[in-house]
Amino acid sequence: APSPQQWLAQIHHAKGIVTNSFHGVMFSLIFGKPFVFIPIVGQYSGLNVRAFSILDRFDRMDCVYHPGDSLREKMSVACENPSLSGFGDVGYSFLKRALEL
């Protein structure tokens, strides 16, 4: 398995990402990579909650794969150039409240 640094480098240098993890979604957004999120089904589907939350927060639910979708078309049309504009403000507000500044 790659180290965390290698994993991040792979995402950073990728042309596009297909992921089923929250972290895959987050780092795709951070690095501005086109991506598709394939939800986990079955017993572990609860692991999708964080990914769905962040996708909804940034209006990227169109990046969720559904059976019958074309991965290539979804990635090249709907999920190109994701943006995290405003994310820093959200993080700062959270930290400010948490630290009661």
C-alpha atoms as a PDB file:
ATOM      1  CA  ALA A   1       0.000   0.000   0.000  1.00  0.00           C
ATOM      2  CA  PRO A   2       1.234   3.508  -0.721  1.00  0.00           C
ATOM      3  CA  SER A   3       2.262   5.819   2.102  1.00  0.00           C
ATOM      4  CA  PRO A   4      -0.024   8.801   2.790  1.00  0.00           C
ATOM      5  CA  GLN A   5       2.409  11.052   0.925  1.00  0.00           C
ATOM      6  CA  GLN A   6       2.457   8.705  -2.083  1.00  0.00           C
ATOM      7  CA  TRP A   7      -1.338   8.452  -2.057  1.00  0.00           C
ATOM      8  CA  LEU A   8      -1.701  12.239  -2.055  1.00  0.00           C
ATOM      9  CA  ALA A   9       0.880  12.557  -4.832  1.00  0.00           C
ATOM     10  CA  GLN A  10      -1.084  10.047  -6.920  1.00  0.00           C
ATOM     11  CA  ILE A  11      -4.243  12.125  -6.521  1.00  0.00           C
ATOM     12  CA  HIS A  12      -2.382  15.377  -7.143  1.00  0.00           C
ATOM     13  CA  HIS A  13      -0.908  14.091 -10.422  1.00  0.00           C
ATOM     14  CA  ALA A  14      -3.986  12.183 -11.653  1.00  0.00           C
ATOM     15  CA  LYS A  15      -6.066  13.346 -14.617  1.00  0.00           C
ATOM     16  CA  GLY A  16      -9.224  12.193 -12.851  1.00  0.00           C
ATOM     17  CA  ILE A  17     -10.294  10.263  -9.752  1.00  0.00           C
ATOM     18  CA  VAL A  18     -12.817   7.458  -9.237  1.00  0.00           C
ATOM     19  CA  THR A  19     -13.310   6.949  -5.507  1.00  0.00           C
ATOM     20  CA  ASN A  20     -15.594   5.433  -2.908  1.00  0.00           C
ATOM     21  CA  SER A  21     -14.117   7.298   0.059  1.00  0.00           C
ATOM     22  CA  PHE A  22     -14.654  10.607   1.815  1.00  0.00           C
ATOM     23  CA  HIS A  23     -10.918  11.309   1.680  1.00  0.00           C
ATOM     24  CA  GLY A  24     -10.837  10.620  -2.055  1.00  0.00           C
ATOM     25  CA  VAL A  25     -13.632  13.164  -2.521  1.00  0.00           C
ATOM     26  CA  MET A  26     -11.983  15.749  -0.265  1.00  0.00           C
ATOM     27  CA  PHE A  27      -8.564  15.573  -1.866  1.00  0.00           C
ATOM     28  CA  SER A  28     -10.091  15.588  -5.354  1.00  0.00           C
ATOM     29  CA  LEU A  29     -11.823  18.827  -4.389  1.00  0.00           C
ATOM     30  CA  ILE A  30      -8.718  20.284  -2.742  1.00  0.00           C
ATOM     31  CA  PHE A  31      -6.526  19.511  -5.765  1.00  0.00           C
ATOM     32  CA  GLY A  32      -9.247  20.550  -8.242  1.00  0.00           C
ATOM     33  CA  LYS A  33      -9.375  17.146  -9.936  1.00  0.00           C
ATOM     34  CA  PRO A  34     -12.330  15.830 -11.901  1.00  0.00           C
ATOM     35  CA  PHE A  35     -13.801  12.937  -9.934  1.00  0.00           C
ATOM     36  CA  VAL A  36     -16.666  10.488  -9.587  1.00  0.00           C
ATOM     37  CA  PHE A  37     -17.839   9.127  -6.247  1.00  0.00           C
ATOM     38  CA  ILE A  38     -19.107   5.534  -6.293  1.00  0.00           C
ATOM     39  CA  PRO A  39     -21.144   4.955  -3.124  1.00  0.00           C
ATOM     40  CA  ILE A  40     -20.534   1.850  -1.042  1.00  0.00           C
ATOM     41  CA  VAL A  41     -23.545  -0.481  -1.004  1.00  0.00           C
ATOM     42  CA  GLY A  42     -24.665  -3.030   1.536  1.00  0.00           C
ATOM     43  CA  GLN A  43     -23.513  -3.462   5.106  1.00  0.00           C
ATOM     44  CA  TYR A  44     -20.999  -0.584   5.010  1.00  0.00           C
ATOM     45  CA  SER A  45     -23.147   1.957   3.138  1.00  0.00           C
ATOM     46  CA  GLY A  46     -23.176   4.144   6.261  1.00  0.00           C
ATOM     47  CA  LEU A  47     -19.598   5.092   5.347  1.00  0.00           C
ATOM     48  CA  ASN A  48     -21.039   7.224   2.530  1.00  0.00           C
ATOM     49  CA  VAL A  49     -22.556   9.802   4.900  1.00  0.00           C
ATOM     50  CA  ARG A  50     -19.515  12.092   5.139  1.00  0.00           C
ATOM     51  CA  ALA A  51     -18.911  12.015   1.393  1.00  0.00           C
ATOM     52  CA  PHE A  52     -22.571  12.782   0.645  1.00  0.00           C
ATOM     53  CA  SER A  53     -22.455  15.615   3.179  1.00  0.00           C
ATOM     54  CA  ILE A  54     -19.468  17.326   1.563  1.00  0.00           C
ATOM     55  CA  LEU A  55     -20.788  16.693  -1.956  1.00  0.00           C
ATOM     56  CA  ASP A  56     -24.091  18.294  -0.962  1.00  0.00           C
ATOM     57  CA  ARG A  57     -22.333  21.198   0.785  1.00  0.00           C
ATOM     58  CA  PHE A  58     -20.457  22.067  -2.417  1.00  0.00           C
ATOM     59  CA  ASP A  59     -23.327  21.257  -4.780  1.00  0.00           C
ATOM     60  CA  ARG A  60     -21.426  18.320  -6.314  1.00  0.00           C
ATOM     61  CA  MET A  61     -24.061  15.576  -5.996  1.00  0.00           C
ATOM     62  CA  ASP A  62     -23.875  15.340  -9.783  1.00  0.00           C
ATOM     63  CA  CYS A  63     -20.513  13.593  -9.218  1.00  0.00           C
ATOM     64  CA  VAL A  64     -22.208  10.563  -7.619  1.00  0.00           C
ATOM     65  CA  TYR A  65     -22.175   7.474  -9.822  1.00  0.00           C
ATOM     66  CA  HIS A  66     -25.439   5.623 -10.360  1.00  0.00           C
ATOM     67  CA  PRO A  67     -25.741   2.234 -12.080  1.00  0.00           C
ATOM     68  CA  GLY A  68     -25.978   2.810 -15.810  1.00  0.00           C
ATOM     69  CA  ASP A  69     -23.978   6.054 -15.729  1.00  0.00           C
ATOM     70  CA  SER A  70     -20.973   6.423 -17.995  1.00  0.00           C
ATOM     71  CA  LEU A  71     -17.951   7.100 -15.774  1.00  0.00           C
ATOM     72  CA  ARG A  72     -16.119   8.860 -18.600  1.00  0.00           C
ATOM     73  CA  GLU A  73     -19.076  11.085 -19.468  1.00  0.00           C
ATOM     74  CA  LYS A  74     -19.876  11.891 -15.838  1.00  0.00           C
ATOM     75  CA  MET A  75     -16.277  12.819 -15.072  1.00  0.00           C
ATOM     76  CA  SER A  76     -15.694  14.864 -18.205  1.00  0.00           C
ATOM     77  CA  VAL A  77     -18.980  16.758 -18.190  1.00  0.00           C
ATOM     78  CA  ALA A  78     -20.451  17.037 -14.703  1.00  0.00           C
ATOM     79  CA  CYS A  79     -17.435  16.853 -12.435  1.00  0.00           C
ATOM     80  CA  GLU A  80     -14.716  18.813 -14.153  1.00  0.00           C
ATOM     81  CA  ASN A  81     -12.938  21.549 -12.270  1.00  0.00           C
ATOM     82  CA  PRO A  82     -14.549  21.211  -8.872  1.00  0.00           C
ATOM     83  CA  SER A  83     -14.307  24.264  -6.661  1.00  0.00           C
ATOM     84  CA  LEU A  84     -13.839  24.743  -2.951  1.00  0.00           C
ATOM     85  CA  SER A  85     -14.605  28.444  -2.930  1.00  0.00           C
ATOM     86  CA  GLY A  86     -15.786  29.392   0.505  1.00  0.00           C
ATOM     87  CA  PHE A  87     -14.382  26.272   2.161  1.00  0.00           C
ATOM     88  CA  GLY A  88     -11.707  28.250   4.018  1.00  0.00           C
ATOM     89  CA  ASP A  89     -14.387  30.468   5.526  1.00  0.00           C
ATOM     90  CA  VAL A  90     -16.276  27.391   6.759  1.00  0.00           C
ATOM     91  CA  GLY A  91     -13.117  25.984   8.357  1.00  0.00           C
ATOM     92  CA  TYR A  92     -12.218  29.285   9.974  1.00  0.00           C
ATOM     93  CA  SER A  93     -15.736  29.714  11.388  1.00  0.00           C
ATOM     94  CA  PHE A  94     -15.666  26.198  12.809  1.00  0.00           C
ATOM     95  CA  LEU A  95     -12.297  26.732  14.491  1.00  0.00           C
ATOM     96  CA  LYS A  96     -13.346  30.123  15.824  1.00  0.00           C
ATOM     97  CA  ARG A  97     -16.471  28.618  17.437  1.00  0.00           C
ATOM     98  CA  ALA A  98     -14.593  25.565  18.713  1.00  0.00           C
ATOM     99  CA  LEU A  99     -11.903  27.714  20.317  1.00  0.00           C
ATOM    100  CA  GLU A 100     -14.373  30.416  21.384  1.00  0.00           C
ATOM    101  CA  LEU A 101     -12.301  33.207  19.858  1.00  0.00           C
END
